[in-house]
Amino acid sequence: MVVSITYLTQLCHQPHIVNTVVLVCVDCITNWLQQWSQTITGFGSVLVSLLLVILYYRQQQELAANHKGLLEVTSADWNRNELTAEISNYGNGTVSSIYLQTLVYTESGEHRKYTLRNHLMKRQDKQGEWANAIQSEEEDIPFKGKSKIGTLKPGPPPEGWYGITFGLFMRQMKAQNVGSVKYVHQIKGFELSGNRCLANVSPMITEIDAQNFGPNNSIENPPSARIVSNDDTFISYTHPSRTRRFKGWIYHRGIELINWLLFFYSVGPRPQDLSGRKYVKRVILWRTIGYYFEKSLQRVKRIIPIGKSG
């Protein structure tokens, strides 16, 4: 052991040997860095991207906390299907893109064939960029809007959705022998962060019998209306869970992926049904299939007369 230490000590006093050892070590380290440079660079890029995402998320949280709207309907006056409402914003942020929407639920499930539709409200005391917004601490601001229900456009495909009045919808429910109908009208706007802001026109859910809805009835004059308290019919829309939000995100990303794969055809996501709890039934798909089946059958009949004897 003493001999080995003495031998190493002698070697260290020879500069050319020390330089050779150092060069070999540097060469080994350089080769190792070259081999792992792409991996290290990729990991660094991922780490930087992750930090930027976390920073953006925290900035969005701070923005949402510092610019949060708090809407309240201080008065509401209906003229059949048109609402004149005074709205106050008790929050610390501006709320823009203010809509009137009507959520409806039927025990028979007919609401699944109709869509939730927003009608843009107009501010009565201002024009221009503030005609559809309310700033922080503004109170009793008059807005006007109409209650609309989304239904399929008549005619051959491709169809779309268009709005009908609440009164017409109720008459359709009566014709389809629907009984109990629950509904609530809401004011919906968007904060600076993009988060939505909701306020009920009336604090309770209204329930009526569609079979009692006559020509003279309307939102301002419903037949035998019953005010329902402690009802969670629309709770999944007004207070969606994280699971519901995640499912919605997955659904829309899936639609984007399908459109990317089927570049020759565009698939549109289904809108929310009239209750806001689920996506509308595939009424457009089945009507389209039925339409083209009928067209094909008519062509076959022209070529091969069916039911006719020679």
Protein backbone atom coordinates (compact mmCIF):
# COMPACT_ATOMS: atom_id res chain seq x y z
CA MET A 1 0.00 0.00 0.00
CA VAL A 2 2.90 2.33 0.87
CA VAL A 3 4.53 1.48 -2.43
CA SER A 4 1.37 2.29 -4.42
CA ILE A 5 0.95 5.69 -2.73
CA THR A 6 4.62 6.49 -3.37
CA TYR A 7 4.24 5.47 -7.01
CA LEU A 8 1.19 7.70 -7.49
CA THR A 9 2.98 10.59 -5.84
CA GLN A 10 5.84 10.21 -8.32
CA LEU A 11 3.42 10.14 -11.23
CA CYS A 12 1.72 13.35 -10.09
CA HIS A 13 5.06 15.14 -10.32
CA GLN A 14 5.27 14.32 -14.04
CA PRO A 15 3.24 17.06 -15.87
CA HIS A 16 2.84 15.26 -19.16
CA ILE A 17 1.15 12.28 -17.44
CA VAL A 18 -1.21 14.56 -15.47
CA ASN A 19 -2.18 16.45 -18.63
CA THR A 20 -2.90 13.18 -20.41
CA VAL A 21 -5.19 12.00 -17.60
CA VAL A 22 -7.05 15.34 -17.56
CA LEU A 23 -7.54 15.26 -21.33
CA VAL A 24 -8.90 11.71 -21.18
CA CYS A 25 -11.36 12.72 -18.43
CA VAL A 26 -12.52 15.78 -20.38
CA ASP A 27 -12.95 13.69 -23.52
CA CYS A 28 -15.07 11.14 -21.63
CA ILE A 29 -17.27 13.85 -20.14
CA THR A 30 -17.67 15.53 -23.56
CA ASN A 31 -18.69 12.27 -25.20
CA TRP A 32 -21.21 11.61 -22.43
CA LEU A 33 -22.72 15.09 -22.81
CA GLN A 34 -22.94 14.66 -26.58
CA GLN A 35 -24.72 11.33 -26.21
CA TRP A 36 -27.24 12.69 -23.73
CA SER A 37 -27.56 16.25 -25.06
CA GLN A 38 -30.83 15.63 -26.93
CA THR A 39 -32.39 13.96 -23.90
CA ILE A 40 -31.25 16.76 -21.60
CA THR A 41 -32.48 19.42 -24.05
CA GLY A 42 -35.86 17.67 -24.44
CA PHE A 43 -36.30 17.36 -20.70
CA GLY A 44 -35.41 21.02 -20.29
CA SER A 45 -37.96 22.05 -22.91
CA VAL A 46 -40.66 19.99 -21.20
CA LEU A 47 -39.75 21.50 -17.84
CA VAL A 48 -39.88 25.05 -19.21
CA SER A 49 -43.23 24.37 -20.90
CA LEU A 50 -44.62 22.95 -17.66
CA LEU A 51 -43.47 26.00 -15.71
CA LEU A 52 -45.09 28.31 -18.29
CA VAL A 53 -48.37 26.41 -18.04
CA ILE A 54 -48.30 26.65 -14.24
CA LEU A 55 -47.53 30.39 -14.48
CA TYR A 56 -50.38 30.95 -16.96
CA TYR A 57 -52.80 29.00 -14.76
CA ARG A 58 -51.87 31.05 -11.69
CA GLN A 59 -52.23 34.29 -13.65
CA GLN A 60 -55.69 33.19 -14.79
CA GLN A 61 -56.64 32.41 -11.19
CA GLU A 62 -55.45 35.84 -10.05
CA LEU A 63 -57.28 37.49 -12.95
CA ALA A 64 -60.50 35.64 -12.10
CA ALA A 65 -60.21 36.53 -8.41
CA ASN A 66 -59.52 40.23 -9.09
CA HIS A 67 -62.19 40.64 -11.80
CA LYS A 68 -65.14 38.60 -10.57
CA GLY A 69 -68.69 39.62 -11.42
CA LEU A 70 -71.68 39.18 -9.13
CA LEU A 71 -74.97 39.73 -10.97
CA GLU A 72 -78.37 40.17 -9.38
CA VAL A 73 -81.72 40.83 -11.02
CA THR A 74 -83.28 43.57 -8.90
CA SER A 75 -86.52 43.79 -10.90
CA ALA A 76 -88.14 41.88 -13.76
CA ASP A 77 -91.14 42.70 -15.92
CA TRP A 78 -92.43 40.31 -18.61
CA ASN A 79 -94.41 41.33 -21.69
CA ARG A 80 -95.42 37.90 -22.96
CA ASN A 81 -91.99 36.49 -24.06
CA GLU A 82 -89.94 39.69 -23.67
CA LEU A 83 -88.16 40.57 -20.45
CA THR A 84 -87.27 44.02 -19.18
CA ALA A 85 -84.93 43.56 -16.22
CA GLU A 86 -82.89 45.81 -13.99
CA ILE A 87 -79.53 44.17 -13.32
CA SER A 88 -76.89 45.08 -10.73
CA ASN A 89 -73.25 44.02 -10.60
CA TYR A 90 -71.99 43.81 -7.01
CA GLY A 91 -68.69 42.20 -8.00
CA ASN A 92 -65.27 43.74 -8.66
CA GLY A 93 -65.14 43.06 -12.41
CA THR A 94 -66.99 43.88 -15.61
CA VAL A 95 -69.47 41.35 -16.99
CA SER A 96 -70.01 41.41 -20.77
CA SER A 97 -71.92 39.43 -23.41
CA ILE A 98 -75.08 39.31 -21.31
CA TYR A 99 -77.72 36.82 -22.46
CA LEU A 100 -81.16 35.67 -21.42
CA GLN A 101 -81.57 31.89 -21.41
CA THR A 102 -84.40 29.56 -20.41
CA LEU A 103 -83.77 26.13 -18.86
CA VAL A 104 -86.66 23.67 -19.24
CA TYR A 105 -87.18 20.12 -17.96
CA THR A 106 -90.11 17.82 -18.82
CA GLU A 107 -90.84 14.52 -17.08
CA SER A 108 -91.58 12.90 -20.45
CA GLY A 109 -88.11 13.76 -21.75
CA GLU A 110 -89.24 15.95 -24.66
CA HIS A 111 -86.74 18.63 -23.59
CA ARG A 112 -83.95 16.33 -24.88
CA LYS A 113 -85.01 17.19 -28.47
CA TYR A 114 -84.66 20.95 -27.93
CA THR A 115 -81.56 23.01 -27.26
CA LEU A 116 -80.58 25.63 -24.73
CA ARG A 117 -80.54 28.94 -26.58
CA ASN A 118 -79.13 32.32 -25.58
CA HIS A 119 -80.71 35.60 -26.61
CA LEU A 120 -78.44 38.64 -26.50
CA MET A 121 -79.80 41.32 -24.17
CA LYS A 122 -79.57 45.02 -24.96
CA ARG A 123 -78.73 47.67 -22.43
CA GLN A 124 -81.28 50.47 -22.59
CA ASP A 125 -79.20 53.40 -21.30
CA LYS A 126 -76.02 53.00 -23.41
CA GLN A 127 -74.96 52.22 -26.97
CA GLY A 128 -71.79 50.94 -28.63
CA GLU A 129 -69.34 48.69 -26.79
CA TRP A 130 -71.22 49.00 -23.48
CA ALA A 131 -74.61 48.08 -24.96
CA ASN A 132 -74.19 44.52 -23.71
CA ALA A 133 -72.03 44.89 -20.59
CA ILE A 134 -72.29 46.04 -17.00
CA GLN A 135 -69.35 47.38 -15.02
CA SER A 136 -68.45 46.76 -11.40
CA GLU A 137 -70.73 48.45 -8.83
CA GLU A 138 -73.30 49.52 -11.43
CA GLU A 139 -76.82 49.05 -10.08
CA ASP A 140 -80.34 48.81 -11.51
CA ILE A 141 -79.23 48.93 -15.14
CA PRO A 142 -82.13 48.24 -17.57
CA PHE A 143 -81.72 45.42 -20.10
CA LYS A 144 -84.15 43.87 -22.58
CA GLY A 145 -84.20 40.38 -24.06
CA LYS A 146 -86.47 37.57 -25.24
CA SER A 147 -86.92 34.02 -24.02
CA LYS A 148 -85.97 31.65 -26.84
CA ILE A 149 -86.03 27.87 -27.22
CA GLY A 150 -83.81 26.07 -29.76
CA THR A 151 -85.53 23.68 -32.18
CA LEU A 152 -84.74 22.10 -35.55
CA LYS A 153 -85.25 24.16 -38.67
CA PRO A 154 -87.91 22.73 -40.98
CA GLY A 155 -86.89 21.46 -44.39
CA PRO A 156 -84.46 18.95 -45.85
CA PRO A 157 -80.97 18.45 -44.39
CA PRO A 158 -78.55 19.79 -43.62
CA GLU A 159 -80.68 21.42 -40.95
CA GLY A 160 -79.64 23.68 -38.14
CA TRP A 161 -81.18 25.11 -35.01
CA TYR A 162 -83.26 28.24 -34.72
CA GLY A 163 -85.14 29.98 -31.92
CA ILE A 164 -88.84 29.87 -31.12
CA THR A 165 -90.67 31.67 -28.34
CA PHE A 166 -91.44 30.09 -25.01
CA GLY A 167 -95.18 30.32 -25.77
CA LEU A 168 -94.81 28.40 -29.04
CA PHE A 169 -92.72 25.78 -27.28
CA MET A 170 -95.42 25.29 -24.65
CA ARG A 171 -98.07 24.87 -27.33
CA GLN A 172 -95.90 22.20 -28.94
CA MET A 173 -95.60 20.46 -25.57
CA LYS A 174 -99.37 20.54 -25.23
CA ALA A 175 -99.80 19.00 -28.70
CA GLN A 176 -97.37 16.23 -27.71
CA ASN A 177 -99.40 15.46 -24.56
CA VAL A 178 -96.62 16.55 -22.21
CA GLY A 179 -97.68 17.09 -18.61
CA SER A 180 -95.39 18.71 -16.04
CA VAL A 181 -92.91 21.35 -17.26
CA LYS A 182 -90.31 22.95 -14.99
CA TYR A 183 -88.43 26.05 -16.08
CA VAL A 184 -86.24 28.87 -14.86
CA HIS A 185 -84.99 32.00 -16.65
CA GLN A 186 -81.39 33.07 -16.17
CA ILE A 187 -79.13 35.98 -16.98
CA LYS A 188 -75.75 34.76 -18.23
CA GLY A 189 -72.65 36.89 -18.79
CA PHE A 190 -68.89 36.44 -18.98
CA GLU A 191 -66.13 37.84 -16.81
CA LEU A 192 -62.81 39.14 -18.12
CA SER A 193 -61.23 35.75 -17.39
CA GLY A 194 -63.83 34.02 -19.59
CA ASN A 195 -65.66 32.44 -16.67
CA ARG A 196 -69.43 32.64 -16.91
CA CYS A 197 -71.58 34.51 -14.43
CA LEU A 198 -75.19 33.44 -13.76
CA ALA A 199 -78.16 35.04 -12.03
CA ASN A 200 -81.75 33.77 -11.87
CA VAL A 201 -84.48 36.14 -13.01
CA SER A 202 -86.64 34.69 -10.24
CA PRO A 203 -85.10 32.82 -7.30
CA MET A 204 -87.32 29.74 -7.59
CA ILE A 205 -88.15 27.18 -10.29
CA THR A 206 -91.61 27.42 -11.84
CA GLU A 207 -93.68 24.33 -12.63
CA ILE A 208 -96.80 24.31 -14.84
CA ASP A 209 -98.99 21.76 -16.63
CA ALA A 210 -98.54 22.05 -20.40
CA GLN A 211 -102.09 20.79 -20.95
CA ASN A 212 -103.43 23.92 -19.25
CA PHE A 213 -101.40 26.30 -21.42
CA GLY A 214 -103.91 28.22 -23.54
CA PRO A 215 -103.74 30.95 -26.22
CA ASN A 216 -103.85 33.72 -23.64
CA ASN A 217 -101.11 32.26 -21.47
CA SER A 218 -97.49 33.38 -21.56
CA ILE A 219 -94.49 33.78 -19.26
CA GLU A 220 -96.15 36.76 -17.59
CA ASN A 221 -99.43 34.86 -17.30
CA PRO A 222 -98.70 31.13 -16.76
CA PRO A 223 -101.58 28.73 -16.03
CA SER A 224 -101.74 27.54 -12.41
CA ALA A 225 -98.03 28.06 -11.85
CA ARG A 226 -96.41 26.41 -8.86
CA ILE A 227 -93.22 27.83 -7.36
CA VAL A 228 -90.82 25.02 -6.46
CA SER A 229 -88.22 25.49 -3.72
CA ASN A 230 -85.29 23.24 -2.78
CA ASP A 231 -85.27 21.72 -6.28
CA ASP A 232 -81.98 20.53 -7.79
CA THR A 233 -83.28 19.86 -11.33
CA PHE A 234 -80.82 22.29 -12.94
CA ILE A 235 -78.02 22.06 -10.37
CA SER A 236 -75.69 20.14 -12.72
CA TYR A 237 -75.80 23.10 -15.14
CA THR A 238 -75.60 25.95 -12.66
CA HIS A 239 -72.93 24.25 -10.50
CA PRO A 240 -71.14 21.71 -12.73
CA SER A 241 -68.79 19.27 -11.03
CA ARG A 242 -65.16 18.85 -12.06
CA THR A 243 -66.07 15.47 -13.55
CA ARG A 244 -68.74 17.08 -15.74
CA ARG A 245 -66.35 19.80 -16.90
CA PHE A 246 -63.66 17.21 -17.67
CA LYS A 247 -66.13 15.09 -19.66
CA GLY A 248 -67.11 18.17 -21.66
CA TRP A 249 -63.44 18.92 -22.39
CA ILE A 250 -62.86 15.31 -23.53
CA TYR A 251 -65.97 15.43 -25.75
CA HIS A 252 -64.91 18.60 -27.58
CA ARG A 253 -61.30 17.42 -28.00
CA GLY A 254 -62.70 14.19 -29.45
CA ILE A 255 -64.75 16.17 -31.98
CA GLU A 256 -61.63 18.10 -32.98
CA LEU A 257 -59.73 14.82 -33.44
CA ILE A 258 -62.51 13.37 -35.63
CA ASN A 259 -62.54 16.50 -37.80
CA TRP A 260 -58.75 16.25 -38.14
CA LEU A 261 -58.99 12.62 -39.24
CA LEU A 262 -61.99 13.19 -41.53
CA PHE A 263 -60.57 16.24 -43.29
CA PHE A 264 -63.15 15.92 -46.08
CA TYR A 265 -66.11 16.22 -43.69
CA SER A 266 -66.78 18.46 -40.68
CA VAL A 267 -68.55 17.07 -37.61
CA GLY A 268 -70.15 19.58 -35.27
CA PRO A 269 -70.54 19.00 -31.52
CA ARG A 270 -74.06 18.51 -30.24
CA PRO A 271 -75.34 21.49 -28.23
CA GLN A 272 -76.71 21.17 -24.73
CA ASP A 273 -80.31 20.10 -24.43
CA LEU A 274 -82.97 22.43 -23.05
CA SER A 275 -82.28 21.45 -19.45
CA GLY A 276 -78.52 22.08 -19.77
CA ARG A 277 -77.90 18.69 -18.12
CA LYS A 278 -76.98 16.62 -21.18
CA TYR A 279 -76.25 16.96 -24.88
CA VAL A 280 -79.26 17.11 -27.17
CA LYS A 281 -80.42 13.84 -28.71
CA ARG A 282 -79.12 12.96 -32.18
CA VAL A 283 -82.27 14.28 -33.87
CA ILE A 284 -80.33 15.81 -36.78
CA LEU A 285 -78.53 12.52 -37.47
CA TRP A 286 -81.72 10.43 -37.48
CA ARG A 287 -83.63 12.96 -39.55
CA THR A 288 -80.78 13.05 -42.08
CA ILE A 289 -80.69 9.24 -42.27
CA GLY A 290 -84.47 9.13 -42.70
CA TYR A 291 -84.38 11.82 -45.37
CA TYR A 292 -81.76 10.11 -47.53
CA PHE A 293 -83.40 6.72 -47.01
CA GLU A 294 -86.68 8.13 -48.30
CA LYS A 295 -84.92 9.75 -51.27
CA SER A 296 -83.18 6.47 -52.12
CA LEU A 297 -86.47 4.58 -51.83
CA GLN A 298 -88.14 7.00 -54.22
CA ARG A 299 -85.38 6.46 -56.79
CA VAL A 300 -85.74 2.70 -56.51
CA LYS A 301 -89.50 2.99 -57.02
CA ARG A 302 -88.97 5.03 -60.19
CA ILE A 303 -86.64 2.40 -61.57
CA ILE A 304 -88.56 -0.64 -60.35
CA PRO A 305 -92.29 0.07 -60.03
CA ILE A 306 -93.25 -1.55 -56.74
CA GLY A 307 -96.79 -2.71 -56.18
CA LYS A 308 -97.78 -2.42 -59.87
CA SER A 309 -98.75 -5.45 -61.93
CA GLY A 310 -97.90 -5.77 -65.58
